[in-house]
Amino acid sequence: MKQKSLGQIADFDLKLLRIFKTVAESGSFSAAESLLGISSSAISLSMSDLEKRLGMRLCQRGRSGFSLTDEGREILQMSETMLASIENFRLQVNQMHKQLRGEFNIGIINNLVTQPQMRLTNALEKIRVKEPNIHINLTMSTASDIERGLMDGRLHVGALPYNSQISGLHYTSLYDETSYLYCSDKHPLFALLDPLDDNKLAQLEAVVPTCRMTGEMIAIHQQLNCVATASDREGIAFLILTGRLVGFLPDHYAANWVNNGMMRAISPERFVVKSAIALVTRKGRHPNGIVDYFIKALS
């Protein structure tokens, strides 16, 4: 590749370097797709743009797989140092003040507000009482979107189901959730108290979440006739309430419909799953007084 001098570093260059860093950490374009939220072809185009900007080949990709060149490994190390320095500069400027101030970006999985332990709510309350100069930006989203936000630095912390770990993120259990298989009062099973045999179970039309699931949840859904998908709990509730489908919901989220006679759990002694909700941060993050205070407030 033709040698060239690099001019002024622009925001576009930083974006390309962040994409390159994610690809290198993931080990392939396809593995980086879900974290970056863009297609492999878009990642490939960004990598080509970066190589043209730098005037050197950064990686080999093809049938033999993905690997960094010697120049790519050096650029990765330098870009990690530079990106970390930018983040550290921002944090140090914010922490020059006697009081904590600045933005606190938190991503939370949908429908946790009905969780009775209220640990997240209480911790956010403590931040507002003690440090009124902190601007809280709370985003309700899916688990995969929250993980991407943590990896690319848009989010400081996240709260999501602890189904499986992603390399580069740190998970701390907050509390357990109990989920049951629900149907609505419009569903034929609502008034049927007899236990389901395997044949009826295999014909039971169900909605399955598109997020990563535990092995236990995957095994249960494989016993059902999964004919629909939903990205979050609210979507699952919508489809259950049609009266045509069944699906799993946390008991605290389904409680309002259950108490109003609009839903009931199907064979709760058989179809019950316990899972953890975790507080998630990025591994190797720079010290951040706001994040540290929030984590302390949770305990």
C-alpha atoms as a PDB file:
ATOM      1  CA  MET A   1       0.000   0.000   0.000  1.00  0.00           C
ATOM      2  CA  LYS A   2       1.309   3.449  -0.956  1.00  0.00           C
ATOM      3  CA  GLN A   3       3.016   5.299   1.892  1.00  0.00           C
ATOM      4  CA  LYS A   4       1.456   8.603   2.907  1.00  0.00           C
ATOM      5  CA  SER A   5       1.590  11.063   5.793  1.00  0.00           C
ATOM      6  CA  LEU A   6      -1.360  11.284   8.142  1.00  0.00           C
ATOM      7  CA  GLY A   7      -2.847  14.741   8.492  1.00  0.00           C
ATOM      8  CA  GLN A   8      -4.964  16.106  11.300  1.00  0.00           C
ATOM      9  CA  ILE A   9      -6.965  13.529  13.279  1.00  0.00           C
ATOM     10  CA  ALA A  10     -10.683  14.130  12.698  1.00  0.00           C
ATOM     11  CA  ASP A  11     -13.802  12.778  14.425  1.00  0.00           C
ATOM     12  CA  PHE A  12     -14.237  10.462  11.436  1.00  0.00           C
ATOM     13  CA  ASP A  13     -10.795   8.957  12.091  1.00  0.00           C
ATOM     14  CA  LEU A  14     -11.691   8.337  15.743  1.00  0.00           C
ATOM     15  CA  LYS A  15     -14.878   6.574  14.620  1.00  0.00           C
ATOM     16  CA  LEU A  16     -12.893   4.349  12.243  1.00  0.00           C
ATOM     17  CA  LEU A  17     -10.349   3.555  14.965  1.00  0.00           C
ATOM     18  CA  ARG A  18     -13.118   2.571  17.385  1.00  0.00           C
ATOM     19  CA  ILE A  19     -14.554   0.226  14.732  1.00  0.00           C
ATOM     20  CA  PHE A  20     -11.082  -1.236  14.127  1.00  0.00           C
ATOM     21  CA  LYS A  21     -10.569  -1.743  17.881  1.00  0.00           C
ATOM     22  CA  THR A  22     -13.916  -3.581  18.216  1.00  0.00           C
ATOM     23  CA  VAL A  23     -13.156  -5.814  15.215  1.00  0.00           C
ATOM     24  CA  ALA A  24      -9.709  -6.656  16.556  1.00  0.00           C
ATOM     25  CA  GLU A  25     -11.102  -7.496  20.003  1.00  0.00           C
ATOM     26  CA  SER A  26     -13.930  -9.590  18.486  1.00  0.00           C
ATOM     27  CA  GLY A  27     -11.661 -11.520  16.129  1.00  0.00           C
ATOM     28  CA  SER A  28     -13.760 -11.156  12.972  1.00  0.00           C
ATOM     29  CA  PHE A  29     -16.115  -8.868  11.102  1.00  0.00           C
ATOM     30  CA  SER A  30     -19.133 -11.109  11.737  1.00  0.00           C
ATOM     31  CA  ALA A  31     -18.434 -11.291  15.493  1.00  0.00           C
ATOM     32  CA  ALA A  32     -18.238  -7.485  15.634  1.00  0.00           C
ATOM     33  CA  GLU A  33     -21.567  -6.968  13.835  1.00  0.00           C
ATOM     34  CA  SER A  34     -23.784  -7.269  16.926  1.00  0.00           C
ATOM     35  CA  LEU A  35     -21.532  -5.045  19.048  1.00  0.00           C
ATOM     36  CA  LEU A  36     -21.252  -2.315  16.416  1.00  0.00           C
ATOM     37  CA  GLY A  37     -24.808  -2.584  15.141  1.00  0.00           C
ATOM     38  CA  ILE A  38     -23.694  -2.474  11.494  1.00  0.00           C
ATOM     39  CA  SER A  39     -23.293  -5.104   8.778  1.00  0.00           C
ATOM     40  CA  SER A  40     -20.076  -6.902   7.834  1.00  0.00           C
ATOM     41  CA  SER A  41     -20.023  -5.044   4.518  1.00  0.00           C
ATOM     42  CA  ALA A  42     -20.205  -1.693   6.346  1.00  0.00           C
ATOM     43  CA  ILE A  43     -17.411  -2.811   8.680  1.00  0.00           C
ATOM     44  CA  SER A  44     -15.314  -3.866   5.679  1.00  0.00           C
ATOM     45  CA  LEU A  45     -15.846  -0.469   4.052  1.00  0.00           C
ATOM     46  CA  SER A  46     -14.817   1.324   7.255  1.00  0.00           C
ATOM     47  CA  MET A  47     -11.691  -0.812   7.548  1.00  0.00           C
ATOM     48  CA  SER A  48     -10.764  -0.011   3.930  1.00  0.00           C
ATOM     49  CA  ASP A  49     -11.281   3.701   4.612  1.00  0.00           C
ATOM     50  CA  LEU A  50      -9.028   3.507   7.670  1.00  0.00           C
ATOM     51  CA  GLU A  51      -6.308   1.643   5.762  1.00  0.00           C
ATOM     52  CA  LYS A  52      -6.424   4.308   3.020  1.00  0.00           C
ATOM     53  CA  ARG A  53      -6.224   7.081   5.640  1.00  0.00           C
ATOM     54  CA  LEU A  54      -3.224   5.463   7.329  1.00  0.00           C
ATOM     55  CA  GLY A  55      -1.592   4.211   4.144  1.00  0.00           C
ATOM     56  CA  MET A  56      -0.996   0.694   5.448  1.00  0.00           C
ATOM     57  CA  ARG A  57      -2.594  -2.730   5.596  1.00  0.00           C
ATOM     58  CA  LEU A  58      -4.049  -3.422   9.057  1.00  0.00           C
ATOM     59  CA  CYS A  59      -5.468  -6.921   8.720  1.00  0.00           C
ATOM     60  CA  GLN A  60      -5.782  -9.961   6.521  1.00  0.00           C
ATOM     61  CA  ARG A  61      -9.306 -11.208   5.829  1.00  0.00           C
ATOM     62  CA  GLY A  62     -10.454 -13.991   3.599  1.00  0.00           C
ATOM     63  CA  ARG A  63     -10.985 -17.741   3.533  1.00  0.00           C
ATOM     64  CA  SER A  64      -8.064 -18.285   5.881  1.00  0.00           C
ATOM     65  CA  GLY A  65      -9.758 -16.120   8.512  1.00  0.00           C
ATOM     66  CA  PHE A  66      -9.051 -12.776  10.155  1.00  0.00           C
ATOM     67  CA  SER A  67      -5.657 -11.728  11.480  1.00  0.00           C
ATOM     68  CA  LEU A  68      -3.865  -8.469  12.206  1.00  0.00           C
ATOM     69  CA  THR A  69      -0.728  -7.508  10.305  1.00  0.00           C
ATOM     70  CA  ASP A  70       2.339  -6.336  12.208  1.00  0.00           C
ATOM     71  CA  GLU A  71       1.324  -2.759  11.374  1.00  0.00           C
ATOM     72  CA  GLY A  72      -2.235  -3.536  12.521  1.00  0.00           C
ATOM     73  CA  ARG A  73      -1.037  -4.693  15.934  1.00  0.00           C
ATOM     74  CA  GLU A  74       0.986  -1.504  16.377  1.00  0.00           C
ATOM     75  CA  ILE A  75      -1.914   0.707  15.249  1.00  0.00           C
ATOM     76  CA  LEU A  76      -4.243  -1.163  17.640  1.00  0.00           C
ATOM     77  CA  GLN A  77      -1.916  -0.535  20.577  1.00  0.00           C
ATOM     78  CA  MET A  78      -1.506   3.150  19.694  1.00  0.00           C
ATOM     79  CA  SER A  79      -5.245   3.648  19.111  1.00  0.00           C
ATOM     80  CA  GLU A  80      -6.079   2.037  22.468  1.00  0.00           C
ATOM     81  CA  THR A  81      -3.677   4.448  24.166  1.00  0.00           C
ATOM     82  CA  MET A  82      -5.115   7.449  22.324  1.00  0.00           C
ATOM     83  CA  LEU A  83      -8.788   6.568  22.904  1.00  0.00           C
ATOM     84  CA  ALA A  84      -8.095   5.866  26.558  1.00  0.00           C
ATOM     85  CA  SER A  85      -6.325   9.233  26.860  1.00  0.00           C
ATOM     86  CA  ILE A  86      -9.312  11.059  25.341  1.00  0.00           C
ATOM     87  CA  GLU A  87     -11.699   9.401  27.796  1.00  0.00           C
ATOM     88  CA  ASN A  88      -9.340  10.001  30.697  1.00  0.00           C
ATOM     89  CA  PHE A  89      -9.028  13.695  29.784  1.00  0.00           C
ATOM     90  CA  ARG A  90     -12.813  14.075  29.782  1.00  0.00           C
ATOM     91  CA  LEU A  91     -13.144  12.367  33.161  1.00  0.00           C
ATOM     92  CA  GLN A  92     -10.313  14.337  34.776  1.00  0.00           C
ATOM     93  CA  VAL A  93     -11.810  17.641  33.627  1.00  0.00           C
ATOM     94  CA  ASN A  94     -15.165  16.621  35.129  1.00  0.00           C
ATOM     95  CA  GLN A  95     -13.526  15.534  38.365  1.00  0.00           C
ATOM     96  CA  MET A  96     -11.519  18.750  38.841  1.00  0.00           C
ATOM     97  CA  HIS A  97     -14.559  20.177  40.586  1.00  0.00           C
ATOM     98  CA  LYS A  98     -15.101  19.631  44.297  1.00  0.00           C
ATOM     99  CA  GLN A  99     -18.510  18.131  43.605  1.00  0.00           C
ATOM    100  CA  LEU A 100     -19.269  15.337  41.196  1.00  0.00           C
ATOM    101  CA  ARG A 101     -20.768  16.779  38.060  1.00  0.00           C
ATOM    102  CA  GLY A 102     -21.218  15.749  34.463  1.00  0.00           C
ATOM    103  CA  GLU A 103     -23.303  13.175  32.644  1.00  0.00           C
ATOM    104  CA  PHE A 104     -24.187   9.712  33.869  1.00  0.00           C
ATOM    105  CA  ASN A 105     -25.401   7.466  31.054  1.00  0.00           C
ATOM    106  CA  ILE A 106     -27.225   4.328  32.141  1.00  0.00           C
ATOM    107  CA  GLY A 107     -29.011   1.745  30.006  1.00  0.00           C
ATOM    108  CA  ILE A 108     -31.723  -0.414  31.580  1.00  0.00           C
ATOM    109  CA  ILE A 109     -33.629  -3.358  30.141  1.00  0.00           C
ATOM    110  CA  ASN A 110     -37.303  -2.611  29.610  1.00  0.00           C
ATOM    111  CA  ASN A 111     -39.866  -3.227  32.382  1.00  0.00           C
ATOM    112  CA  LEU A 112     -37.585  -3.432  35.411  1.00  0.00           C
ATOM    113  CA  VAL A 113     -39.514  -0.632  37.109  1.00  0.00           C
ATOM    114  CA  THR A 114     -42.001  -3.145  38.547  1.00  0.00           C
ATOM    115  CA  GLN A 115     -39.210  -5.153  40.216  1.00  0.00           C
ATOM    116  CA  PRO A 116     -40.054  -4.889  43.952  1.00  0.00           C
ATOM    117  CA  GLN A 117     -36.478  -4.616  45.225  1.00  0.00           C
ATOM    118  CA  MET A 118     -36.081  -1.147  43.605  1.00  0.00           C
ATOM    119  CA  ARG A 119     -32.280  -1.178  44.011  1.00  0.00           C
ATOM    120  CA  LEU A 120     -31.690   0.783  40.804  1.00  0.00           C
ATOM    121  CA  THR A 121     -34.369   3.337  41.674  1.00  0.00           C
ATOM    122  CA  ASN A 122     -32.953   3.838  45.155  1.00  0.00           C
ATOM    123  CA  ALA A 123     -29.396   4.275  43.845  1.00  0.00           C
ATOM    124  CA  LEU A 124     -30.547   6.866  41.290  1.00  0.00           C
ATOM    125  CA  GLU A 125     -32.394   8.680  44.076  1.00  0.00           C
ATOM    126  CA  LYS A 126     -29.205   8.851  46.165  1.00  0.00           C
ATOM    127  CA  ILE A 127     -27.321  10.380  43.218  1.00  0.00           C
ATOM    128  CA  ARG A 128     -29.949  13.094  42.796  1.00  0.00           C
ATOM    129  CA  VAL A 129     -30.025  13.886  46.524  1.00  0.00           C
ATOM    130  CA  LYS A 130     -26.251  13.987  47.057  1.00  0.00           C
ATOM    131  CA  GLU A 131     -25.035  15.297  43.681  1.00  0.00           C
ATOM    132  CA  PRO A 132     -27.669  17.517  41.985  1.00  0.00           C
ATOM    133  CA  ASN A 133     -25.108  18.635  39.364  1.00  0.00           C
ATOM    134  CA  ILE A 134     -25.042  15.159  37.815  1.00  0.00           C
ATOM    135  CA  HIS A 135     -27.180  14.943  34.665  1.00  0.00           C
ATOM    136  CA  ILE A 136     -28.717  11.463  34.426  1.00  0.00           C
ATOM    137  CA  ASN A 137     -29.388  10.105  30.924  1.00  0.00           C
ATOM    138  CA  LEU A 138     -31.442   6.917  31.259  1.00  0.00           C
ATOM    139  CA  THR A 139     -32.071   4.797  28.172  1.00  0.00           C
ATOM    140  CA  MET A 140     -34.557   1.915  28.115  1.00  0.00           C
ATOM    141  CA  SER A 141     -33.396  -0.612  25.546  1.00  0.00           C
ATOM    142  CA  THR A 142     -32.704  -4.233  24.686  1.00  0.00           C
ATOM    143  CA  ALA A 143     -29.825  -6.155  26.251  1.00  0.00           C
ATOM    144  CA  SER A 144     -27.794  -6.229  23.021  1.00  0.00           C
ATOM    145  CA  ASP A 145     -28.165  -2.459  22.507  1.00  0.00           C
ATOM    146  CA  ILE A 146     -27.039  -1.821  26.087  1.00  0.00           C
ATOM    147  CA  GLU A 147     -23.997  -4.063  25.634  1.00  0.00           C
ATOM    148  CA  ARG A 148     -23.056  -2.218  22.437  1.00  0.00           C
ATOM    149  CA  GLY A 149     -23.418   1.105  24.256  1.00  0.00           C
ATOM    150  CA  LEU A 150     -21.092  -0.075  27.012  1.00  0.00           C
ATOM    151  CA  MET A 151     -18.495  -1.339  24.535  1.00  0.00           C
ATOM    152  CA  ASP A 152     -18.389   1.840  22.457  1.00  0.00           C
ATOM    153  CA  GLY A 153     -18.449   4.141  25.493  1.00  0.00           C
ATOM    154  CA  ARG A 154     -21.907   5.683  25.015  1.00  0.00           C
ATOM    155  CA  LEU A 155     -23.088   4.141  28.294  1.00  0.00           C
ATOM    156  CA  HIS A 156     -21.341   4.076  31.675  1.00  0.00           C
ATOM    157  CA  VAL A 157     -23.370   1.251  33.230  1.00  0.00           C
ATOM    158  CA  GLY A 158     -26.171  -1.090  32.203  1.00  0.00           C
ATOM    159  CA  ALA A 159     -28.731  -3.322  33.907  1.00  0.00           C
ATOM    160  CA  LEU A 160     -29.825  -6.403  31.977  1.00  0.00           C
ATOM    161  CA  PRO A 161     -30.490 -10.156  32.290  1.00  0.00           C
ATOM    162  CA  TYR A 162     -27.362 -12.124  33.092  1.00  0.00           C
ATOM    163  CA  ASN A 163     -27.775 -14.837  30.456  1.00  0.00           C
ATOM    164  CA  SER A 164     -24.227 -15.091  29.147  1.00  0.00           C
ATOM    165  CA  GLN A 165     -21.097 -12.980  29.346  1.00  0.00           C
ATOM    166  CA  ILE A 166     -19.536 -10.910  26.573  1.00  0.00           C
ATOM    167  CA  SER A 167     -15.766 -10.585  26.672  1.00  0.00           C
ATOM    168  CA  GLY A 168     -14.833  -7.048  27.592  1.00  0.00           C
ATOM    169  CA  LEU A 169     -17.737  -6.488  29.998  1.00  0.00           C
ATOM    170  CA  HIS A 170     -17.947  -7.045  33.760  1.00  0.00           C
ATOM    171  CA  TYR A 171     -21.170  -8.446  35.271  1.00  0.00           C
ATOM    172  CA  THR A 172     -22.278  -8.134  38.907  1.00  0.00           C
ATOM    173  CA  SER A 173     -25.521  -9.801  39.998  1.00  0.00           C
ATOM    174  CA  LEU A 174     -28.135  -7.404  41.417  1.00  0.00           C
ATOM    175  CA  TYR A 175     -31.050  -9.739  42.154  1.00  0.00           C
ATOM    176  CA  ASP A 176     -32.895 -12.758  40.791  1.00  0.00           C
ATOM    177  CA  GLU A 177     -36.053 -12.735  38.710  1.00  0.00           C
ATOM    178  CA  THR A 178     -38.615 -15.521  38.515  1.00  0.00           C
ATOM    179  CA  SER A 179     -40.399 -16.011  35.183  1.00  0.00           C
ATOM    180  CA  TYR A 180     -43.407 -18.175  34.336  1.00  0.00           C
ATOM    181  CA  LEU A 181     -45.164 -19.233  31.135  1.00  0.00           C
ATOM    182  CA  TYR A 182     -48.310 -17.102  30.782  1.00  0.00           C
ATOM    183  CA  CYS A 183     -51.483 -17.158  28.714  1.00  0.00           C
ATOM    184  CA  SER A 184     -54.259 -14.553  28.610  1.00  0.00           C
ATOM    185  CA  ASP A 185     -57.907 -14.926  29.589  1.00  0.00           C
ATOM    186  CA  LYS A 186     -58.731 -15.187  25.868  1.00  0.00           C
ATOM    187  CA  HIS A 187     -56.579 -18.303  25.447  1.00  0.00           C
ATOM    188  CA  PRO A 188     -58.204 -21.792  25.537  1.00  0.00           C
ATOM    189  CA  LEU A 189     -55.750 -22.856  28.275  1.00  0.00           C
ATOM    190  CA  PHE A 190     -56.882 -20.136  30.675  1.00  0.00           C
ATOM    191  CA  ALA A 191     -59.807 -22.201  31.993  1.00  0.00           C
ATOM    192  CA  LEU A 192     -58.061 -25.568  31.532  1.00  0.00           C
ATOM    193  CA  LEU A 193     -56.428 -26.747  34.750  1.00  0.00           C
ATOM    194  CA  ASP A 194     -55.347 -30.204  33.527  1.00  0.00           C
ATOM    195  CA  PRO A 195     -51.572 -30.595  33.116  1.00  0.00           C
ATOM    196  CA  LEU A 196     -50.222 -30.460  29.583  1.00  0.00           C
ATOM    197  CA  ASP A 197     -48.901 -33.640  28.010  1.00  0.00           C
ATOM    198  CA  ASP A 198     -45.961 -33.521  25.583  1.00  0.00           C
ATOM    199  CA  ASN A 199     -48.182 -33.682  22.493  1.00  0.00           C
ATOM    200  CA  LYS A 200     -50.271 -30.663  23.551  1.00  0.00           C
ATOM    201  CA  LEU A 201     -47.108 -28.859  24.600  1.00  0.00           C
ATOM    202  CA  ALA A 202     -45.517 -29.319  21.176  1.00  0.00           C
ATOM    203  CA  GLN A 203     -48.595 -27.745  19.549  1.00  0.00           C
ATOM    204  CA  LEU A 204     -48.743 -24.784  21.930  1.00  0.00           C
ATOM    205  CA  GLU A 205     -48.055 -21.641  19.888  1.00  0.00           C
ATOM    206  CA  ALA A 206     -45.591 -19.402  21.705  1.00  0.00           C
ATOM    207  CA  VAL A 207     -43.584 -16.203  21.378  1.00  0.00           C
ATOM    208  CA  VAL A 208     -39.821 -16.442  21.895  1.00  0.00           C
ATOM    209  CA  PRO A 209     -37.534 -13.521  22.846  1.00  0.00           C
ATOM    210  CA  THR A 210     -34.838 -12.548  20.349  1.00  0.00           C
ATOM    211  CA  CYS A 211     -32.269 -11.799  23.081  1.00  0.00           C
ATOM    212  CA  ARG A 212     -29.673 -14.343  24.215  1.00  0.00           C
ATOM    213  CA  MET A 213     -31.221 -16.984  26.463  1.00  0.00           C
ATOM    214  CA  THR A 214     -29.880 -19.394  29.054  1.00  0.00           C
ATOM    215  CA  GLY A 215     -29.610 -23.047  28.140  1.00  0.00           C
ATOM    216  CA  GLU A 216     -32.609 -23.747  30.377  1.00  0.00           C
ATOM    217  CA  MET A 217     -34.784 -21.210  28.522  1.00  0.00           C
ATOM    218  CA  ILE A 218     -33.677 -22.526  25.132  1.00  0.00           C
ATOM    219  CA  ALA A 219     -34.567 -26.093  26.164  1.00  0.00           C
ATOM    220  CA  ILE A 220     -38.056 -25.041  27.317  1.00  0.00           C
ATOM    221  CA  HIS A 221     -38.795 -23.067  24.148  1.00  0.00           C
ATOM    222  CA  GLN A 222     -37.714 -26.050  22.052  1.00  0.00           C
ATOM    223  CA  GLN A 223     -40.647 -27.945  23.566  1.00  0.00           C
ATOM    224  CA  LEU A 224     -43.090 -25.294  22.324  1.00  0.00           C
ATOM    225  CA  ASN A 225     -44.307 -24.336  18.859  1.00  0.00           C
ATOM    226  CA  CYS A 226     -42.537 -20.964  18.610  1.00  0.00           C
ATOM    227  CA  VAL A 227     -44.310 -19.043  15.853  1.00  0.00           C
ATOM    228  CA  ALA A 228     -43.465 -15.443  16.819  1.00  0.00           C
ATOM    229  CA  THR A 229     -40.591 -13.408  18.242  1.00  0.00           C
ATOM    230  CA  ALA A 230     -40.370 -10.235  20.317  1.00  0.00           C
ATOM    231  CA  SER A 231     -37.375  -8.039  21.122  1.00  0.00           C
ATOM    232  CA  ASP A 232     -38.428  -7.258  24.692  1.00  0.00           C
ATOM    233  CA  ARG A 233     -40.852  -8.092  27.497  1.00  0.00           C
ATOM    234  CA  GLU A 234     -43.457  -5.556  26.467  1.00  0.00           C
ATOM    235  CA  GLY A 235     -43.588  -7.150  23.014  1.00  0.00           C
ATOM    236  CA  ILE A 236     -44.072 -10.585  24.607  1.00  0.00           C
ATOM    237  CA  ALA A 237     -46.904  -9.196  26.768  1.00  0.00           C
ATOM    238  CA  PHE A 238     -48.593  -7.676  23.700  1.00  0.00           C
ATOM    239  CA  LEU A 239     -48.619 -11.049  21.935  1.00  0.00           C
ATOM    240  CA  ILE A 240     -49.777 -12.964  25.030  1.00  0.00           C
ATOM    241  CA  LEU A 241     -52.707 -10.569  25.396  1.00  0.00           C
ATOM    242  CA  THR A 242     -53.881 -11.375  21.856  1.00  0.00           C
ATOM    243  CA  GLY A 243     -55.130 -14.662  23.302  1.00  0.00           C
ATOM    244  CA  ARG A 244     -53.406 -16.663  20.569  1.00  0.00           C
ATOM    245  CA  LEU A 245     -49.905 -17.101  22.017  1.00  0.00           C
ATOM    246  CA  VAL A 246     -48.184 -17.986  25.277  1.00  0.00           C
ATOM    247  CA  GLY A 247     -44.857 -16.656  26.502  1.00  0.00           C
ATOM    248  CA  PHE A 248     -42.520 -16.181  29.455  1.00  0.00           C
ATOM    249  CA  LEU A 249     -42.671 -13.028  31.571  1.00  0.00           C
ATOM    250  CA  PRO A 250     -41.146 -12.086  34.952  1.00  0.00           C
ATOM    251  CA  ASP A 251     -43.743 -12.507  37.686  1.00  0.00           C
ATOM    252  CA  HIS A 252     -43.415  -8.887  38.853  1.00  0.00           C
ATOM    253  CA  TYR A 253     -44.139  -7.590  35.336  1.00  0.00           C
ATOM    254  CA  ALA A 254     -47.111  -9.934  34.775  1.00  0.00           C
ATOM    255  CA  ALA A 255     -48.563  -9.303  38.256  1.00  0.00           C
ATOM    256  CA  ASN A 256     -50.901  -6.472  37.222  1.00  0.00           C
ATOM    257  CA  TRP A 257     -52.563  -8.563  34.494  1.00  0.00           C
ATOM    258  CA  VAL A 258     -52.698 -11.596  36.785  1.00  0.00           C
ATOM    259  CA  ASN A 259     -54.361  -9.612  39.584  1.00  0.00           C
ATOM    260  CA  ASN A 260     -56.927  -8.244  37.098  1.00  0.00           C
ATOM    261  CA  GLY A 261     -57.761 -11.728  35.814  1.00  0.00           C
ATOM    262  CA  MET A 262     -56.270 -11.103  32.377  1.00  0.00           C
ATOM    263  CA  MET A 263     -53.369 -13.593  32.606  1.00  0.00           C
ATOM    264  CA  ARG A 264     -52.426 -16.725  34.467  1.00  0.00           C
ATOM    265  CA  ALA A 265     -49.328 -18.877  34.707  1.00  0.00           C
ATOM    266  CA  ILE A 266     -49.478 -22.251  32.923  1.00  0.00           C
ATOM    267  CA  SER A 267     -48.290 -25.197  35.050  1.00  0.00           C
ATOM    268  CA  PRO A 268     -46.169 -22.896  37.266  1.00  0.00           C
ATOM    269  CA  GLU A 269     -44.594 -25.834  39.067  1.00  0.00           C
ATOM    270  CA  ARG A 270     -43.202 -27.037  35.725  1.00  0.00           C
ATOM    271  CA  PHE A 271     -42.593 -23.880  33.703  1.00  0.00           C
ATOM    272  CA  VAL A 272     -40.589 -21.687  36.080  1.00  0.00           C
ATOM    273  CA  VAL A 273     -37.214 -20.116  35.341  1.00  0.00           C
ATOM    274  CA  LYS A 274     -34.998 -18.117  37.662  1.00  0.00           C
ATOM    275  CA  SER A 275     -32.471 -15.720  36.150  1.00  0.00           C
ATOM    276  CA  ALA A 276     -30.241 -12.927  37.416  1.00  0.00           C
ATOM    277  CA  ILE A 277     -30.374  -9.239  36.599  1.00  0.00           C
ATOM    278  CA  ALA A 278     -26.827  -7.887  36.462  1.00  0.00           C
ATOM    279  CA  LEU A 279     -25.164  -4.507  36.683  1.00  0.00           C
ATOM    280  CA  VAL A 280     -22.744  -4.336  33.746  1.00  0.00           C
ATOM    281  CA  THR A 281     -19.697  -2.118  33.187  1.00  0.00           C
ATOM    282  CA  ARG A 282     -16.869  -2.193  30.686  1.00  0.00           C
ATOM    283  CA  LYS A 283     -13.707  -3.992  31.790  1.00  0.00           C
ATOM    284  CA  GLY A 284     -10.655  -1.800  32.161  1.00  0.00           C
ATOM    285  CA  ARG A 285     -12.748   1.373  32.351  1.00  0.00           C
ATOM    286  CA  HIS A 286     -11.049   4.514  33.615  1.00  0.00           C
ATOM    287  CA  PRO A 287     -11.886   5.687  37.143  1.00  0.00           C
ATOM    288  CA  ASN A 288     -15.155   7.601  37.157  1.00  0.00           C
ATOM    289  CA  GLY A 289     -16.389   9.114  40.416  1.00  0.00           C
ATOM    290  CA  ILE A 290     -20.020   9.139  39.284  1.00  0.00           C
ATOM    291  CA  VAL A 291     -20.009   5.466  38.319  1.00  0.00           C
ATOM    292  CA  ASP A 292     -18.157   4.509  41.504  1.00  0.00           C
ATOM    293  CA  TYR A 293     -20.671   6.402  43.627  1.00  0.00           C
ATOM    294  CA  PHE A 294     -23.612   4.768  41.824  1.00  0.00           C
ATOM    295  CA  ILE A 295     -22.164   1.273  42.360  1.00  0.00           C
ATOM    296  CA  LYS A 296     -21.590   2.070  46.033  1.00  0.00           C
ATOM    297  CA  ALA A 297     -25.172   3.359  46.339  1.00  0.00           C
ATOM    298  CA  LEU A 298     -26.479   0.053  44.968  1.00  0.00           C
ATOM    299  CA  SER A 299     -24.944  -1.819  47.875  1.00  0.00           C
END
